[in-house]
Structures are given as structure tokens and as C-alpha cells.
């Protein structure tokens, strides 16, 4: 593989990861916290309704987890394409 096509494949895969992780974050923060609020409110965590929990805390926790997932994915991707130094 040439260096240019290698870099293009790297960025294509990187953008795919970013879009997937952003979609997950959207589903947790918007869909779970707003759209599915009524269904989730039938479940309680620590005395709070789950819909409230997702809207207030869950999206932040998931965002931090997704950062670590992204770092792990990028480390694997760097090794795959030889960009790990």
C-alpha cells in the first residue's frame, strides 16, 4: 500500500469510529434522556428515575467512557497503519 492510500484508509476508518461514537453519545444523551424519558422513568437508580439520571448524569459518564474507547480504538488503528511511534 502506498503512503497516500495508507493515510486515506487511516482517516476513513478514523472518521467511521468518530461517527459511530458520536451516534452512541447522541442516543444516550438525547434519545435516552429526552425521547425515551417516560419509559425509562419506570426504573429507578438510587431513588432517582432513570430518565432523569440519563439526562443529568448518564450522558456525561457515557461521554467520558467514549473518550477512553476512542483512545483505545485509535491506538489499535495507529498500530494497524504503522503510525505508532
PDB file of N, CA and C in Angstrom:
ATOM      1  N   UNK A   1       0.835  -1.177   0.000  1.00  0.00           N
ATOM      2  CA  UNK A   1       0.000   0.000   0.000  1.00  0.00           C
ATOM      3  C   UNK A   1       0.881   1.242   0.000  1.00  0.00           C
ATOM      4  N   UNK A   2       0.563   2.216  -0.843  1.00  0.00           N
ATOM      5  CA  UNK A   2       1.356   3.438  -0.866  1.00  0.00           C
ATOM      6  C   UNK A   2       1.045   4.281   0.368  1.00  0.00           C
ATOM      7  N   UNK A   3       1.934   5.219   0.631  1.00  0.00           N
ATOM      8  CA  UNK A   3       1.761   6.048   1.833  1.00  0.00           C
ATOM      9  C   UNK A   3       0.492   6.894   1.755  1.00  0.00           C
ATOM     10  N   UNK A   4       0.183   7.406   0.557  1.00  0.00           N
ATOM     11  CA  UNK A   4      -1.019   8.236   0.384  1.00  0.00           C
ATOM     12  C   UNK A   4      -2.296   7.411   0.577  1.00  0.00           C
ATOM     13  N   UNK A   5      -2.347   6.234  -0.005  1.00  0.00           N
ATOM     14  CA  UNK A   5      -3.542   5.396   0.156  1.00  0.00           C
ATOM     15  C   UNK A   5      -3.639   4.858   1.581  1.00  0.00           C
ATOM     16  N   UNK A   6      -2.502   4.637   2.211  1.00  0.00           N
ATOM     17  CA  UNK A   6      -2.470   4.216   3.609  1.00  0.00           C
ATOM     18  C   UNK A   6      -3.063   5.308   4.505  1.00  0.00           C
ATOM     19  N   UNK A   7      -2.653   6.551   4.272  1.00  0.00           N
ATOM     20  CA  UNK A   7      -3.169   7.676   5.058  1.00  0.00           C
ATOM     21  C   UNK A   7      -4.665   7.871   4.811  1.00  0.00           C
ATOM     22  N   UNK A   8      -5.087   7.698   3.568  1.00  0.00           N
ATOM     23  CA  UNK A   8      -6.514   7.864   3.237  1.00  0.00           C
ATOM     24  C   UNK A   8      -7.358   6.791   3.933  1.00  0.00           C
ATOM     25  N   UNK A   9      -6.881   5.561   3.936  1.00  0.00           N
ATOM     26  CA  UNK A   9      -7.593   4.469   4.609  1.00  0.00           C
ATOM     27  C   UNK A   9      -7.632   4.702   6.119  1.00  0.00           C
ATOM     28  N   UNK A  10      -6.532   5.218   6.651  1.00  0.00           N
ATOM     29  CA  UNK A  10      -6.461   5.530   8.084  1.00  0.00           C
ATOM     30  C   UNK A  10      -7.527   6.549   8.466  1.00  0.00           C
ATOM     31  N   UNK A  11      -7.602   7.644   7.714  1.00  0.00           N
ATOM     32  CA  UNK A  11      -8.571   8.692   8.045  1.00  0.00           C
ATOM     33  C   UNK A  11     -10.006   8.250   7.810  1.00  0.00           C
ATOM     34  N   UNK A  12     -10.205   7.419   6.806  1.00  0.00           N
ATOM     35  CA  UNK A  12     -11.551   6.901   6.553  1.00  0.00           C
ATOM     36  C   UNK A  12     -12.034   6.067   7.740  1.00  0.00           C
ATOM     37  N   UNK A  13     -11.156   5.222   8.254  1.00  0.00           N
ATOM     38  CA  UNK A  13     -11.501   4.395   9.413  1.00  0.00           C
ATOM     39  C   UNK A  13     -11.649   5.251  10.673  1.00  0.00           C
ATOM     40  N   UNK A  14     -10.807   6.270  10.810  1.00  0.00           N
ATOM     41  CA  UNK A  14     -10.890   7.180  11.947  1.00  0.00           C
ATOM     42  C   UNK A  14     -12.236   7.905  11.950  1.00  0.00           C
ATOM     43  N   UNK A  15     -12.649   8.435  10.826  1.00  0.00           N
ATOM     44  CA  UNK A  15     -13.932   9.137  10.725  1.00  0.00           C
ATOM     45  C   UNK A  15     -15.085   8.180  11.011  1.00  0.00           C
ATOM     46  N   UNK A  16     -14.983   6.945  10.572  1.00  0.00           N
ATOM     47  CA  UNK A  16     -16.021   5.946  10.857  1.00  0.00           C
ATOM     48  C   UNK A  16     -16.159   5.740  12.364  1.00  0.00           C
ATOM     49  N   UNK A  17     -15.036   5.618  13.066  1.00  0.00           N
ATOM     50  CA  UNK A  17     -15.064   5.472  14.523  1.00  0.00           C
ATOM     51  C   UNK A  17     -15.715   6.694  15.182  1.00  0.00           C
ATOM     52  N   UNK A  18     -15.329   7.874  14.740  1.00  0.00           N
ATOM     53  CA  UNK A  18     -15.869   9.105  15.330  1.00  0.00           C
ATOM     54  C   UNK A  18     -17.381   9.166  15.139  1.00  0.00           C
ATOM     55  N   UNK A  19     -17.854   8.853  13.951  1.00  0.00           N
ATOM     56  CA  UNK A  19     -19.291   8.907  13.683  1.00  0.00           C
ATOM     57  C   UNK A  19     -20.064   7.885  14.519  1.00  0.00           C
ATOM     58  N   UNK A  20     -19.519   6.699  14.662  1.00  0.00           N
ATOM     59  CA  UNK A  20     -20.173   5.673  15.479  1.00  0.00           C
ATOM     60  C   UNK A  20     -20.237   6.109  16.937  1.00  0.00           C
ATOM     61  N   UNK A  21     -19.135   6.629  17.465  1.00  0.00           N
ATOM     62  CA  UNK A  21     -19.100   7.053  18.863  1.00  0.00           C
ATOM     63  C   UNK A  21     -20.010   8.265  19.104  1.00  0.00           C
ATOM     64  N   UNK A  22     -20.079   9.184  18.144  1.00  0.00           N
ATOM     65  CA  UNK A  22     -20.987  10.315  18.281  1.00  0.00           C
ATOM     66  C   UNK A  22     -22.446   9.864  18.229  1.00  0.00           C
ATOM     67  N   UNK A  23     -22.735   8.867  17.414  1.00  0.00           N
ATOM     68  CA  UNK A  23     -24.096   8.327  17.349  1.00  0.00           C
ATOM     69  C   UNK A  23     -24.483   7.690  18.683  1.00  0.00           C
ATOM     70  N   UNK A  24     -23.548   6.975  19.293  1.00  0.00           N
ATOM     71  CA  UNK A  24     -23.812   6.374  20.611  1.00  0.00           C
ATOM     72  C   UNK A  24     -24.064   7.475  21.639  1.00  0.00           C
ATOM     73  N   UNK A  25     -23.235   8.512  21.628  1.00  0.00           N
ATOM     74  CA  UNK A  25     -23.412   9.605  22.576  1.00  0.00           C
ATOM     75  C   UNK A  25     -24.751  10.309  22.358  1.00  0.00           C
ATOM     76  N   UNK A  26     -25.128  10.510  21.098  1.00  0.00           N
ATOM     77  CA  UNK A  26     -26.418  11.123  20.792  1.00  0.00           C
ATOM     78  C   UNK A  26     -27.563  10.275  21.332  1.00  0.00           C
ATOM     79  N   UNK A  27     -27.474   8.965  21.111  1.00  0.00           N
ATOM     80  CA  UNK A  27     -28.542   8.078  21.575  1.00  0.00           C
ATOM     81  C   UNK A  27     -28.667   8.130  23.100  1.00  0.00           C
ATOM     82  N   UNK A  28     -27.561   8.185  23.788  1.00  0.00           N
ATOM     83  CA  UNK A  28     -27.609   8.214  25.253  1.00  0.00           C
ATOM     84  C   UNK A  28     -28.086   9.574  25.755  1.00  0.00           C
ATOM     85  N   UNK A  29     -27.520  10.656  25.226  1.00  0.00           N
ATOM     86  CA  UNK A  29     -27.842  11.977  25.754  1.00  0.00           C
ATOM     87  C   UNK A  29     -29.194  12.484  25.287  1.00  0.00           C
ATOM     88  N   UNK A  30     -29.508  12.357  24.019  1.00  0.00           N
ATOM     89  CA  UNK A  30     -30.763  12.897  23.503  1.00  0.00           C
ATOM     90  C   UNK A  30     -31.898  11.886  23.586  1.00  0.00           C
ATOM     91  N   UNK A  31     -31.687  10.732  22.988  1.00  0.00           N
ATOM     92  CA  UNK A  31     -32.769   9.743  22.916  1.00  0.00           C
ATOM     93  C   UNK A  31     -33.137   9.208  24.295  1.00  0.00           C
ATOM     94  N   UNK A  32     -32.152   8.751  25.055  1.00  0.00           N
ATOM     95  CA  UNK A  32     -32.456   8.175  26.364  1.00  0.00           C
ATOM     96  C   UNK A  32     -32.904   9.242  27.352  1.00  0.00           C
ATOM     97  N   UNK A  33     -32.305  10.426  27.289  1.00  0.00           N
ATOM     98  CA  UNK A  33     -32.636  11.473  28.244  1.00  0.00           C
ATOM     99  C   UNK A  33     -33.897  12.245  27.922  1.00  0.00           C
ATOM    100  N   UNK A  34     -34.304  12.275  26.650  1.00  0.00           N
ATOM    101  CA  UNK A  34     -35.453  13.088  26.261  1.00  0.00           C
ATOM    102  C   UNK A  34     -36.555  12.249  25.619  1.00  0.00           C
ATOM    103  N   UNK A  35     -36.223  11.527  24.558  1.00  0.00           N
ATOM    104  CA  UNK A  35     -37.253  10.808  23.808  1.00  0.00           C
ATOM    105  C   UNK A  35     -37.830   9.623  24.569  1.00  0.00           C
ATOM    106  N   UNK A  36     -36.972   8.859  25.238  1.00  0.00           N
ATOM    107  CA  UNK A  36     -37.424   7.655  25.952  1.00  0.00           C
ATOM    108  C   UNK A  36     -37.588   7.899  27.454  1.00  0.00           C
ATOM    109  N   UNK A  37     -37.675   9.163  27.833  1.00  0.00           N
ATOM    110  CA  UNK A  37     -37.738   9.547  29.244  1.00  0.00           C
ATOM    111  C   UNK A  37     -38.887   8.868  29.978  1.00  0.00           C
ATOM    112  N   UNK A  38     -40.057   8.883  29.393  1.00  0.00           N
ATOM    113  CA  UNK A  38     -41.222   8.320  30.079  1.00  0.00           C
ATOM    114  C   UNK A  38     -41.077   6.820  30.327  1.00  0.00           C
ATOM    115  N   UNK A  39     -40.567   6.088  29.335  1.00  0.00           N
ATOM    116  CA  UNK A  39     -40.362   4.655  29.511  1.00  0.00           C
ATOM    117  C   UNK A  39     -39.276   4.365  30.535  1.00  0.00           C
ATOM    118  N   UNK A  40     -38.212   5.163  30.496  1.00  0.00           N
ATOM    119  CA  UNK A  40     -37.094   4.956  31.425  1.00  0.00           C
ATOM    120  C   UNK A  40     -37.442   5.362  32.850  1.00  0.00           C
ATOM    121  N   UNK A  41     -38.390   6.276  33.003  1.00  0.00           N
ATOM    122  CA  UNK A  41     -38.757   6.733  34.346  1.00  0.00           C
ATOM    123  C   UNK A  41     -39.461   5.670  35.176  1.00  0.00           C
ATOM    124  N   UNK A  42     -39.838   4.562  34.571  1.00  0.00           N
ATOM    125  CA  UNK A  42     -40.442   3.467  35.342  1.00  0.00           C
ATOM    126  C   UNK A  42     -39.380   2.708  36.141  1.00  0.00           C
ATOM    127  N   UNK A  43     -38.101   2.930  35.818  1.00  0.00           N
ATOM    128  CA  UNK A  43     -36.977   2.277  36.506  1.00  0.00           C
ATOM    129  C   UNK A  43     -36.286   3.323  37.374  1.00  0.00           C
ATOM    130  N   UNK A  44     -35.885   2.927  38.568  1.00  0.00           N
ATOM    131  CA  UNK A  44     -35.208   3.858  39.485  1.00  0.00           C
ATOM    132  C   UNK A  44     -33.789   3.373  39.796  1.00  0.00           C
ATOM    133  N   UNK A  45     -32.864   4.336  39.881  1.00  0.00           N
ATOM    134  CA  UNK A  45     -31.477   4.070  40.295  1.00  0.00           C
ATOM    135  C   UNK A  45     -31.161   5.031  41.429  1.00  0.00           C
ATOM    136  N   UNK A  46     -30.858   4.492  42.589  1.00  0.00           N
ATOM    137  CA  UNK A  46     -30.527   5.327  43.743  1.00  0.00           C
ATOM    138  C   UNK A  46     -31.647   6.279  44.131  1.00  0.00           C
ATOM    139  N   UNK A  47     -32.869   5.877  43.890  1.00  0.00           N
ATOM    140  CA  UNK A  47     -34.012   6.712  44.244  1.00  0.00           C
ATOM    141  C   UNK A  47     -34.424   7.700  43.164  1.00  0.00           C
ATOM    142  N   UNK A  48     -33.636   7.807  42.094  1.00  0.00           N
ATOM    143  CA  UNK A  48     -33.953   8.733  41.016  1.00  0.00           C
ATOM    144  C   UNK A  48     -34.481   7.975  39.807  1.00  0.00           C
ATOM    145  N   UNK A  49     -35.390   8.593  39.087  1.00  0.00           N
ATOM    146  CA  UNK A  49     -35.922   7.978  37.877  1.00  0.00           C
ATOM    147  C   UNK A  49     -34.807   7.869  36.841  1.00  0.00           C
ATOM    148  N   UNK A  50     -34.792   6.764  36.093  1.00  0.00           N
ATOM    149  CA  UNK A  50     -33.707   6.506  35.142  1.00  0.00           C
ATOM    150  C   UNK A  50     -33.663   7.554  34.035  1.00  0.00           C
ATOM    151  N   UNK A  51     -34.822   8.055  33.586  1.00  0.00           N
ATOM    152  CA  UNK A  51     -34.842   9.103  32.563  1.00  0.00           C
ATOM    153  C   UNK A  51     -34.139  10.363  33.052  1.00  0.00           C
ATOM    154  N   UNK A  52     -34.401  10.751  34.294  1.00  0.00           N
ATOM    155  CA  UNK A  52     -33.727  11.900  34.896  1.00  0.00           C
ATOM    156  C   UNK A  52     -32.224  11.627  35.004  1.00  0.00           C
ATOM    157  N   UNK A  53     -31.875  10.411  35.435  1.00  0.00           N
ATOM    158  CA  UNK A  53     -30.465  10.057  35.597  1.00  0.00           C
ATOM    159  C   UNK A  53     -29.715  10.174  34.271  1.00  0.00           C
ATOM    160  N   UNK A  54     -30.305   9.644  33.188  1.00  0.00           N
ATOM    161  CA  UNK A  54     -29.649   9.737  31.882  1.00  0.00           C
ATOM    162  C   UNK A  54     -29.498  11.190  31.450  1.00  0.00           C
ATOM    163  N   UNK A  55     -30.530  11.991  31.651  1.00  0.00           N
ATOM    164  CA  UNK A  55     -30.469  13.385  31.234  1.00  0.00           C
ATOM    165  C   UNK A  55     -29.437  14.167  32.037  1.00  0.00           C
ATOM    166  N   UNK A  56     -29.301  13.877  33.332  1.00  0.00           N
ATOM    167  CA  UNK A  56     -28.416  14.659  34.188  1.00  0.00           C
ATOM    168  C   UNK A  56     -27.004  14.095  34.315  1.00  0.00           C
ATOM    169  N   UNK A  57     -26.875  12.788  34.447  1.00  0.00           N
ATOM    170  CA  UNK A  57     -25.573  12.187  34.735  1.00  0.00           C
ATOM    171  C   UNK A  57     -25.096  11.221  33.660  1.00  0.00           C
ATOM    172  N   UNK A  58     -26.006  10.427  33.161  1.00  0.00           N
ATOM    173  CA  UNK A  58     -25.635   9.339  32.259  1.00  0.00           C
ATOM    174  C   UNK A  58     -24.892   9.785  31.022  1.00  0.00           C
ATOM    175  N   UNK A  59     -25.336  10.880  30.416  1.00  0.00           N
ATOM    176  CA  UNK A  59     -24.674  11.326  29.190  1.00  0.00           C
ATOM    177  C   UNK A  59     -23.234  11.766  29.454  1.00  0.00           C
ATOM    178  N   UNK A  60     -22.979  12.345  30.631  1.00  0.00           N
ATOM    179  CA  UNK A  60     -21.604  12.744  30.958  1.00  0.00           C
ATOM    180  C   UNK A  60     -20.721  11.519  31.183  1.00  0.00           C
ATOM    181  N   UNK A  61     -21.255  10.535  31.918  1.00  0.00           N
ATOM    182  CA  UNK A  61     -20.482   9.313  32.163  1.00  0.00           C
ATOM    183  C   UNK A  61     -20.194   8.585  30.853  1.00  0.00           C
ATOM    184  N   UNK A  62     -21.206   8.494  30.014  1.00  0.00           N
ATOM    185  CA  UNK A  62     -21.016   7.808  28.733  1.00  0.00           C
ATOM    186  C   UNK A  62     -20.001   8.561  27.880  1.00  0.00           C
ATOM    187  N   UNK A  63     -20.029   9.893  27.899  1.00  0.00           N
ATOM    188  CA  UNK A  63     -19.066  10.671  27.133  1.00  0.00           C
ATOM    189  C   UNK A  63     -17.638  10.371  27.582  1.00  0.00           C
ATOM    190  N   UNK A  64     -17.408  10.320  28.888  1.00  0.00           N
ATOM    191  CA  UNK A  64     -16.065  10.017  29.408  1.00  0.00           C
ATOM    192  C   UNK A  64     -15.652   8.599  29.012  1.00  0.00           C
ATOM    193  N   UNK A  65     -16.573   7.652  29.104  1.00  0.00           N
ATOM    194  CA  UNK A  65     -16.277   6.273  28.690  1.00  0.00           C
ATOM    195  C   UNK A  65     -15.937   6.230  27.206  1.00  0.00           C
ATOM    196  N   UNK A  66     -16.689   6.983  26.393  1.00  0.00           N
ATOM    197  CA  UNK A  66     -16.427   7.001  24.953  1.00  0.00           C
ATOM    198  C   UNK A  66     -15.063   7.601  24.627  1.00  0.00           C
ATOM    199  N   UNK A  67     -14.593   8.526  25.446  1.00  0.00           N
ATOM    200  CA  UNK A  67     -13.247   9.073  25.242  1.00  0.00           C
ATOM    201  C   UNK A  67     -12.211   7.955  25.392  1.00  0.00           C
ATOM    202  N   UNK A  68     -12.351   7.147  26.440  1.00  0.00           N
ATOM    203  CA  UNK A  68     -11.413   6.038  26.636  1.00  0.00           C
ATOM    204  C   UNK A  68     -11.540   4.994  25.532  1.00  0.00           C
ATOM    205  N   UNK A  69     -12.751   4.739  25.076  1.00  0.00           N
ATOM    206  CA  UNK A  69     -12.955   3.808  23.963  1.00  0.00           C
ATOM    207  C   UNK A  69     -12.277   4.347  22.710  1.00  0.00           C
ATOM    208  N   UNK A  70     -12.419   5.648  22.457  1.00  0.00           N
ATOM    209  CA  UNK A  70     -11.789   6.261  21.282  1.00  0.00           C
ATOM    210  C   UNK A  70     -10.262   6.166  21.353  1.00  0.00           C
ATOM    211  N   UNK A  71      -9.708   6.403  22.522  1.00  0.00           N
ATOM    212  CA  UNK A  71      -8.257   6.294  22.678  1.00  0.00           C
ATOM    213  C   UNK A  71      -7.797   4.875  22.374  1.00  0.00           C
ATOM    214  N   UNK A  72      -8.521   3.903  22.893  1.00  0.00           N
ATOM    215  CA  UNK A  72      -8.162   2.501  22.641  1.00  0.00           C
ATOM    216  C   UNK A  72      -8.270   2.159  21.156  1.00  0.00           C
ATOM    217  N   UNK A  73      -9.360   2.595  20.520  1.00  0.00           N
ATOM    218  CA  UNK A  73      -9.539   2.337  19.089  1.00  0.00           C
ATOM    219  C   UNK A  73      -8.445   3.002  18.263  1.00  0.00           C
ATOM    220  N   UNK A  74      -8.087   4.230  18.634  1.00  0.00           N
ATOM    221  CA  UNK A  74      -7.055   4.938  17.877  1.00  0.00           C
ATOM    222  C   UNK A  74      -5.679   4.320  18.084  1.00  0.00           C
ATOM    223  N   UNK A  75      -5.391   3.831  19.269  1.00  0.00           N
ATOM    224  CA  UNK A  75      -4.116   3.142  19.477  1.00  0.00           C
ATOM    225  C   UNK A  75      -4.023   1.902  18.600  1.00  0.00           C
ATOM    226  N   UNK A  76      -5.128   1.146  18.516  1.00  0.00           N
ATOM    227  CA  UNK A  76      -5.139  -0.030  17.633  1.00  0.00           C
ATOM    228  C   UNK A  76      -4.999   0.383  16.179  1.00  0.00           C
ATOM    229  N   UNK A  77      -5.695   1.458  15.796  1.00  0.00           N
ATOM    230  CA  UNK A  77      -5.638   1.933  14.416  1.00  0.00           C
ATOM    231  C   UNK A  77      -4.238   2.422  14.063  1.00  0.00           C
ATOM    232  N   UNK A  78      -3.591   3.135  14.993  1.00  0.00           N
ATOM    233  CA  UNK A  78      -2.222   3.596  14.763  1.00  0.00           C
ATOM    234  C   UNK A  78      -1.285   2.425  14.525  1.00  0.00           C
ATOM    235  N   UNK A  79      -1.426   1.371  15.330  1.00  0.00           N
ATOM    236  CA  UNK A  79      -0.575   0.190  15.137  1.00  0.00           C
ATOM    237  C   UNK A  79      -0.869  -0.484  13.810  1.00  0.00           C
ATOM    238  N   UNK A  80      -2.133  -0.557  13.458  1.00  0.00           N
ATOM    239  CA  UNK A  80      -2.531  -1.217  12.208  1.00  0.00           C
ATOM    240  C   UNK A  80      -1.904  -0.542  10.992  1.00  0.00           C
ATOM    241  N   UNK A  81      -1.854   0.785  11.016  1.00  0.00           N
ATOM    242  CA  UNK A  81      -1.325   1.523   9.854  1.00  0.00           C
ATOM    243  C   UNK A  81       0.106   1.993  10.046  1.00  0.00           C
ATOM    244  N   UNK A  82       0.740   1.603  11.135  1.00  0.00           N
ATOM    245  CA  UNK A  82       2.145   1.913  11.345  1.00  0.00           C
ATOM    246  C   UNK A  82       2.415   3.338  11.786  1.00  0.00           C
ATOM    247  N   UNK A  83       1.463   3.984  12.433  1.00  0.00           N
ATOM    248  CA  UNK A  83       1.656   5.350  12.910  1.00  0.00           C
ATOM    249  C   UNK A  83       1.995   5.390  14.398  1.00  0.00           C
ATOM    250  N   UNK A  84       2.169   4.262  15.019  1.00  0.00           N
ATOM    251  CA  UNK A  84       2.566   4.254  16.424  1.00  0.00           C
ATOM    252  C   UNK A  84       4.057   4.473  16.536  1.00  0.00           C
ATOM    253  N   UNK A  85       4.402   5.454  17.333  1.00  0.00           N
ATOM    254  CA  UNK A  85       5.825   5.786  17.438  1.00  0.00           C
ATOM    255  C   UNK A  85       6.392   5.364  18.767  1.00  0.00           C
TER     256      UNK A  85
END
